[in-house]
Amino acid sequence: MSYLLPQRLKELRIEKGLSQRNLSKATGLSQPAIVHWENNKRVPNAEVVMVIANFFGVTAGYLLGLED
C-alpha cells in the first residue's frame, strides 16, 4: 500500500477546476501547506485530512490510499 494523498489531492483539485490558491481560500488551509502536501514534502495531520475529505466529498481512507 502506498501513500496516495499527494496524487489524489492534486487530482481532486484539478477535477474541480481549482488552483491551489482557490482551494486554500475555500478550505481555510494555507496555500504553502497545500503545495507541500501535493509535492509530498509534508504530511497533513488527521484534522486537515478530514477537512480536505469533507470539502471534496470523499473519505479520508480514499485520500490516504486505503480505499478506492
PDB file of N, CA and C in Angstrom:
ATOM      1  N   MET A   1       0.858  -1.186   0.000  1.00  0.00           N
ATOM      2  CA  MET A   1       0.000   0.000   0.000  1.00  0.00           C
ATOM      3  C   MET A   1       0.898   1.242   0.000  1.00  0.00           C
ATOM      4  N   SER A   2       0.595   2.181  -0.856  1.00  0.00           N
ATOM      5  CA  SER A   2       1.406   3.387  -0.909  1.00  0.00           C
ATOM      6  C   SER A   2       0.600   4.591  -0.422  1.00  0.00           C
ATOM      7  N   TYR A   3       1.327   5.628  -0.103  1.00  0.00           N
ATOM      8  CA  TYR A   3       0.722   6.875   0.378  1.00  0.00           C
ATOM      9  C   TYR A   3       0.290   7.684  -0.840  1.00  0.00           C
ATOM     10  N   LEU A   4      -1.005   7.802  -1.053  1.00  0.00           N
ATOM     11  CA  LEU A   4      -1.520   8.420  -2.276  1.00  0.00           C
ATOM     12  C   LEU A   4      -2.053   9.838  -2.102  1.00  0.00           C
ATOM     13  N   LEU A   5      -1.995  10.387  -0.890  1.00  0.00           N
ATOM     14  CA  LEU A   5      -2.601  11.700  -0.676  1.00  0.00           C
ATOM     15  C   LEU A   5      -2.090  12.763  -1.645  1.00  0.00           C
ATOM     16  N   PRO A   6      -0.785  12.892  -1.877  1.00  0.00           N
ATOM     17  CA  PRO A   6      -0.349  13.947  -2.807  1.00  0.00           C
ATOM     18  C   PRO A   6      -1.015  13.845  -4.181  1.00  0.00           C
ATOM     19  N   GLN A   7      -1.026  12.649  -4.738  1.00  0.00           N
ATOM     20  CA  GLN A   7      -1.616  12.429  -6.064  1.00  0.00           C
ATOM     21  C   GLN A   7      -3.123  12.666  -6.038  1.00  0.00           C
ATOM     22  N   ARG A   8      -3.804  12.113  -5.059  1.00  0.00           N
ATOM     23  CA  ARG A   8      -5.264  12.228  -5.019  1.00  0.00           C
ATOM     24  C   ARG A   8      -5.711  13.651  -4.722  1.00  0.00           C
ATOM     25  N   LEU A   9      -5.001  14.351  -3.867  1.00  0.00           N
ATOM     26  CA  LEU A   9      -5.337  15.743  -3.581  1.00  0.00           C
ATOM     27  C   LEU A   9      -5.246  16.575  -4.857  1.00  0.00           C
ATOM     28  N   LYS A  10      -4.155  16.420  -5.592  1.00  0.00           N
ATOM     29  CA  LYS A  10      -3.975  17.186  -6.825  1.00  0.00           C
ATOM     30  C   LYS A  10      -5.043  16.826  -7.858  1.00  0.00           C
ATOM     31  N   GLU A  11      -5.329  15.526  -8.011  1.00  0.00           N
ATOM     32  CA  GLU A  11      -6.348  15.098  -8.975  1.00  0.00           C
ATOM     33  C   GLU A  11      -7.719  15.683  -8.631  1.00  0.00           C
ATOM     34  N   LEU A  12      -8.098  15.618  -7.361  1.00  0.00           N
ATOM     35  CA  LEU A  12      -9.405  16.151  -6.943  1.00  0.00           C
ATOM     36  C   LEU A  12      -9.469  17.662  -7.165  1.00  0.00           C
ATOM     37  N   ARG A  13      -8.394  18.345  -6.847  1.00  0.00           N
ATOM     38  CA  ARG A  13      -8.357  19.802  -7.009  1.00  0.00           C
ATOM     39  C   ARG A  13      -8.517  20.181  -8.478  1.00  0.00           C
ATOM     40  N   ILE A  14      -7.790  19.481  -9.352  1.00  0.00           N
ATOM     41  CA  ILE A  14      -7.855  19.780 -10.784  1.00  0.00           C
ATOM     42  C   ILE A  14      -9.224  19.423 -11.349  1.00  0.00           C
ATOM     43  N   GLU A  15      -9.777  18.275 -10.920  1.00  0.00           N
ATOM     44  CA  GLU A  15     -11.116  17.880 -11.379  1.00  0.00           C
ATOM     45  C   GLU A  15     -12.157  18.948 -11.054  1.00  0.00           C
ATOM     46  N   LYS A  16     -11.966  19.624  -9.929  1.00  0.00           N
ATOM     47  CA  LYS A  16     -12.906  20.665  -9.508  1.00  0.00           C
ATOM     48  C   LYS A  16     -12.570  22.018 -10.127  1.00  0.00           C
ATOM     49  N   GLY A  17     -11.497  22.063 -10.892  1.00  0.00           N
ATOM     50  CA  GLY A  17     -11.104  23.296 -11.560  1.00  0.00           C
ATOM     51  C   GLY A  17     -10.559  24.353 -10.619  1.00  0.00           C
ATOM     52  N   LEU A  18      -9.912  23.912  -9.545  1.00  0.00           N
ATOM     53  CA  LEU A  18      -9.400  24.843  -8.547  1.00  0.00           C
ATOM     54  C   LEU A  18      -7.882  24.975  -8.619  1.00  0.00           C
ATOM     55  N   SER A  19      -7.411  26.176  -8.437  1.00  0.00           N
ATOM     56  CA  SER A  19      -5.973  26.383  -8.251  1.00  0.00           C
ATOM     57  C   SER A  19      -5.661  26.091  -6.785  1.00  0.00           C
ATOM     58  N   GLN A  20      -4.397  26.019  -6.469  1.00  0.00           N
ATOM     59  CA  GLN A  20      -4.034  25.824  -5.064  1.00  0.00           C
ATOM     60  C   GLN A  20      -4.513  27.010  -4.240  1.00  0.00           C
ATOM     61  N   ARG A  21      -4.448  28.191  -4.799  1.00  0.00           N
ATOM     62  CA  ARG A  21      -4.914  29.396  -4.097  1.00  0.00           C
ATOM     63  C   ARG A  21      -6.418  29.317  -3.851  1.00  0.00           C
ATOM     64  N   ASN A  22      -7.187  28.896  -4.864  1.00  0.00           N
ATOM     65  CA  ASN A  22      -8.642  28.784  -4.698  1.00  0.00           C
ATOM     66  C   ASN A  22      -8.999  27.755  -3.639  1.00  0.00           C
ATOM     67  N   LEU A  23      -8.287  26.625  -3.640  1.00  0.00           N
ATOM     68  CA  LEU A  23      -8.532  25.598  -2.636  1.00  0.00           C
ATOM     69  C   LEU A  23      -8.222  26.138  -1.246  1.00  0.00           C
ATOM     70  N   SER A  24      -7.155  26.889  -1.134  1.00  0.00           N
ATOM     71  CA  SER A  24      -6.787  27.500   0.133  1.00  0.00           C
ATOM     72  C   SER A  24      -7.902  28.404   0.647  1.00  0.00           C
ATOM     73  N   LYS A  25      -8.409  29.256  -0.220  1.00  0.00           N
ATOM     74  CA  LYS A  25      -9.476  30.184   0.171  1.00  0.00           C
ATOM     75  C   LYS A  25     -10.761  29.441   0.536  1.00  0.00           C
ATOM     76  N   ALA A  26     -11.070  28.374  -0.189  1.00  0.00           N
ATOM     77  CA  ALA A  26     -12.313  27.628   0.037  1.00  0.00           C
ATOM     78  C   ALA A  26     -12.286  26.812   1.330  1.00  0.00           C
ATOM     79  N   THR A  27     -11.088  26.375   1.734  1.00  0.00           N
ATOM     80  CA  THR A  27     -10.990  25.491   2.899  1.00  0.00           C
ATOM     81  C   THR A  27     -10.414  26.162   4.131  1.00  0.00           C
ATOM     82  N   GLY A  28      -9.773  27.305   3.954  1.00  0.00           N
ATOM     83  CA  GLY A  28      -9.107  27.957   5.074  1.00  0.00           C
ATOM     84  C   GLY A  28      -7.732  27.374   5.370  1.00  0.00           C
ATOM     85  N   LEU A  29      -7.263  26.479   4.510  1.00  0.00           N
ATOM     86  CA  LEU A  29      -5.932  25.894   4.670  1.00  0.00           C
ATOM     87  C   LEU A  29      -4.921  26.772   3.940  1.00  0.00           C
ATOM     88  N   SER A  30      -3.698  26.815   4.411  1.00  0.00           N
ATOM     89  CA  SER A  30      -2.731  27.710   3.783  1.00  0.00           C
ATOM     90  C   SER A  30      -2.268  27.178   2.424  1.00  0.00           C
ATOM     91  N   GLN A  31      -2.060  28.099   1.501  1.00  0.00           N
ATOM     92  CA  GLN A  31      -1.610  27.709   0.168  1.00  0.00           C
ATOM     93  C   GLN A  31      -0.230  27.045   0.211  1.00  0.00           C
ATOM     94  N   PRO A  32       0.728  27.580   0.975  1.00  0.00           N
ATOM     95  CA  PRO A  32       2.024  26.894   1.034  1.00  0.00           C
ATOM     96  C   PRO A  32       1.908  25.450   1.553  1.00  0.00           C
ATOM     97  N   ALA A  33       1.015  25.225   2.489  1.00  0.00           N
ATOM     98  CA  ALA A  33       0.829  23.864   3.004  1.00  0.00           C
ATOM     99  C   ALA A  33       0.298  22.952   1.903  1.00  0.00           C
ATOM    100  N   ILE A  34      -0.653  23.445   1.119  1.00  0.00           N
ATOM    101  CA  ILE A  34      -1.209  22.653   0.020  1.00  0.00           C
ATOM    102  C   ILE A  34      -0.104  22.284  -0.974  1.00  0.00           C
ATOM    103  N   VAL A  35       0.755  23.245  -1.276  1.00  0.00           N
ATOM    104  CA  VAL A  35       1.884  22.989  -2.178  1.00  0.00           C
ATOM    105  C   VAL A  35       2.763  21.875  -1.605  1.00  0.00           C
ATOM    106  N   HIS A  36       3.077  21.951  -0.324  1.00  0.00           N
ATOM    107  CA  HIS A  36       3.919  20.930   0.318  1.00  0.00           C
ATOM    108  C   HIS A  36       3.256  19.562   0.289  1.00  0.00           C
ATOM    109  N   TRP A  37       1.955  19.499   0.552  1.00  0.00           N
ATOM    110  CA  TRP A  37       1.255  18.210   0.543  1.00  0.00           C
ATOM    111  C   TRP A  37       1.243  17.607  -0.855  1.00  0.00           C
ATOM    112  N   GLU A  38       0.948  18.434  -1.855  1.00  0.00           N
ATOM    113  CA  GLU A  38       0.896  17.917  -3.223  1.00  0.00           C
ATOM    114  C   GLU A  38       2.271  17.475  -3.720  1.00  0.00           C
ATOM    115  N   ASN A  39       3.320  18.100  -3.215  1.00  0.00           N
ATOM    116  CA  ASN A  39       4.675  17.745  -3.627  1.00  0.00           C
ATOM    117  C   ASN A  39       5.312  16.715  -2.696  1.00  0.00           C
ATOM    118  N   ASN A  40       4.500  16.164  -1.788  1.00  0.00           N
ATOM    119  CA  ASN A  40       4.942  15.119  -0.863  1.00  0.00           C
ATOM    120  C   ASN A  40       6.124  15.567  -0.005  1.00  0.00           C
ATOM    121  N   LYS A  41       6.130  16.848   0.368  1.00  0.00           N
ATOM    122  CA  LYS A  41       7.185  17.392   1.225  1.00  0.00           C
ATOM    123  C   LYS A  41       6.777  17.339   2.688  1.00  0.00           C
ATOM    124  N   ARG A  42       5.474  17.371   2.936  1.00  0.00           N
ATOM    125  CA  ARG A  42       4.934  17.301   4.292  1.00  0.00           C
ATOM    126  C   ARG A  42       3.678  16.456   4.268  1.00  0.00           C
ATOM    127  N   VAL A  43       3.284  15.991   5.451  1.00  0.00           N
ATOM    128  CA  VAL A  43       2.083  15.168   5.595  1.00  0.00           C
ATOM    129  C   VAL A  43       1.092  15.926   6.472  1.00  0.00           C
ATOM    130  N   PRO A  44      -0.151  16.100   5.995  1.00  0.00           N
ATOM    131  CA  PRO A  44      -1.139  16.807   6.815  1.00  0.00           C
ATOM    132  C   PRO A  44      -1.564  15.955   8.007  1.00  0.00           C
ATOM    133  N   ASN A  45      -1.970  16.627   9.086  1.00  0.00           N
ATOM    134  CA  ASN A  45      -2.453  15.876  10.245  1.00  0.00           C
ATOM    135  C   ASN A  45      -3.871  15.375   9.986  1.00  0.00           C
ATOM    136  N   ALA A  46      -4.367  14.557  10.884  1.00  0.00           N
ATOM    137  CA  ALA A  46      -5.677  13.914  10.701  1.00  0.00           C
ATOM    138  C   ALA A  46      -6.806  14.929  10.545  1.00  0.00           C
ATOM    139  N   GLU A  47      -6.763  16.007  11.307  1.00  0.00           N
ATOM    140  CA  GLU A  47      -7.815  17.029  11.221  1.00  0.00           C
ATOM    141  C   GLU A  47      -7.852  17.646   9.826  1.00  0.00           C
ATOM    142  N   VAL A  48      -6.697  17.927   9.270  1.00  0.00           N
ATOM    143  CA  VAL A  48      -6.605  18.513   7.933  1.00  0.00           C
ATOM    144  C   VAL A  48      -7.082  17.519   6.873  1.00  0.00           C
ATOM    145  N   VAL A  49      -6.715  16.255   7.032  1.00  0.00           N
ATOM    146  CA  VAL A  49      -7.175  15.229   6.089  1.00  0.00           C
ATOM    147  C   VAL A  49      -8.705  15.210   6.066  1.00  0.00           C
ATOM    148  N   MET A  50      -9.323  15.337   7.229  1.00  0.00           N
ATOM    149  CA  MET A  50     -10.790  15.343   7.293  1.00  0.00           C
ATOM    150  C   MET A  50     -11.376  16.586   6.622  1.00  0.00           C
ATOM    151  N   VAL A  51     -10.742  17.730   6.796  1.00  0.00           N
ATOM    152  CA  VAL A  51     -11.206  18.961   6.139  1.00  0.00           C
ATOM    153  C   VAL A  51     -11.170  18.782   4.619  1.00  0.00           C
ATOM    154  N   ILE A  52     -10.067  18.251   4.122  1.00  0.00           N
ATOM    155  CA  ILE A  52      -9.918  18.035   2.677  1.00  0.00           C
ATOM    156  C   ILE A  52     -10.949  17.020   2.184  1.00  0.00           C
ATOM    157  N   ALA A  53     -11.077  15.915   2.899  1.00  0.00           N
ATOM    158  CA  ALA A  53     -12.028  14.872   2.503  1.00  0.00           C
ATOM    159  C   ALA A  53     -13.450  15.414   2.473  1.00  0.00           C
ATOM    160  N   ASN A  54     -13.847  16.135   3.499  1.00  0.00           N
ATOM    161  CA  ASN A  54     -15.198  16.707   3.543  1.00  0.00           C
ATOM    162  C   ASN A  54     -15.421  17.702   2.412  1.00  0.00           C
ATOM    163  N   PHE A  55     -14.426  18.513   2.120  1.00  0.00           N
ATOM    164  CA  PHE A  55     -14.554  19.504   1.046  1.00  0.00           C
ATOM    165  C   PHE A  55     -14.808  18.823  -0.296  1.00  0.00           C
ATOM    166  N   PHE A  56     -14.070  17.750  -0.563  1.00  0.00           N
ATOM    167  CA  PHE A  56     -14.192  17.069  -1.856  1.00  0.00           C
ATOM    168  C   PHE A  56     -15.251  15.975  -1.866  1.00  0.00           C
ATOM    169  N   GLY A  57     -15.846  15.686  -0.714  1.00  0.00           N
ATOM    170  CA  GLY A  57     -16.887  14.659  -0.659  1.00  0.00           C
ATOM    171  C   GLY A  57     -16.356  13.250  -0.822  1.00  0.00           C
ATOM    172  N   VAL A  58     -15.158  13.021  -0.301  1.00  0.00           N
ATOM    173  CA  VAL A  58     -14.558  11.685  -0.327  1.00  0.00           C
ATOM    174  C   VAL A  58     -14.215  11.290   1.110  1.00  0.00           C
ATOM    175  N   THR A  59     -13.792  10.060   1.296  1.00  0.00           N
ATOM    176  CA  THR A  59     -13.402   9.622   2.634  1.00  0.00           C
ATOM    177  C   THR A  59     -11.921   9.893   2.870  1.00  0.00           C
ATOM    178  N   ALA A  60     -11.560   9.960   4.128  1.00  0.00           N
ATOM    179  CA  ALA A  60     -10.146  10.094   4.477  1.00  0.00           C
ATOM    180  C   ALA A  60      -9.380   8.877   3.969  1.00  0.00           C
ATOM    181  N   GLY A  61     -10.003   7.709   4.045  1.00  0.00           N
ATOM    182  CA  GLY A  61      -9.377   6.489   3.552  1.00  0.00           C
ATOM    183  C   GLY A  61      -9.042   6.579   2.073  1.00  0.00           C
ATOM    184  N   TYR A  62      -9.937   7.189   1.296  1.00  0.00           N
ATOM    185  CA  TYR A  62      -9.670   7.368  -0.138  1.00  0.00           C
ATOM    186  C   TYR A  62      -8.449   8.276  -0.328  1.00  0.00           C
ATOM    187  N   LEU A  63      -8.434   9.414   0.374  1.00  0.00           N
ATOM    188  CA  LEU A  63      -7.315  10.340   0.233  1.00  0.00           C
ATOM    189  C   LEU A  63      -5.983   9.693   0.577  1.00  0.00           C
ATOM    190  N   LEU A  64      -5.996   8.836   1.580  1.00  0.00           N
ATOM    191  CA  LEU A  64      -4.754   8.219   2.051  1.00  0.00           C
ATOM    192  C   LEU A  64      -4.380   6.958   1.271  1.00  0.00           C
ATOM    193  N   GLY A  65      -5.231   6.539   0.356  1.00  0.00           N
ATOM    194  CA  GLY A  65      -4.935   5.362  -0.440  1.00  0.00           C
ATOM    195  C   GLY A  65      -5.316   4.061   0.223  1.00  0.00           C
ATOM    196  N   LEU A  66      -6.159   4.130   1.254  1.00  0.00           N
ATOM    197  CA  LEU A  66      -6.591   2.932   1.950  1.00  0.00           C
ATOM    198  C   LEU A  66      -7.783   2.266   1.276  1.00  0.00           C
ATOM    199  N   GLU A  67      -8.461   3.029   0.406  1.00  0.00           N
ATOM    200  CA  GLU A  67      -9.610   2.506  -0.346  1.00  0.00           C
ATOM    201  C   GLU A  67      -9.694   3.232  -1.672  1.00  0.00           C
ATOM    202  N   ASP A  68     -10.411   2.601  -2.615  1.00  0.00           N
ATOM    203  CA  ASP A  68     -10.577   3.211  -3.948  1.00  0.00           C
ATOM    204  C   ASP A  68     -11.909   3.906  -4.089  1.00  0.00           C
TER     205      ASP A  68
END
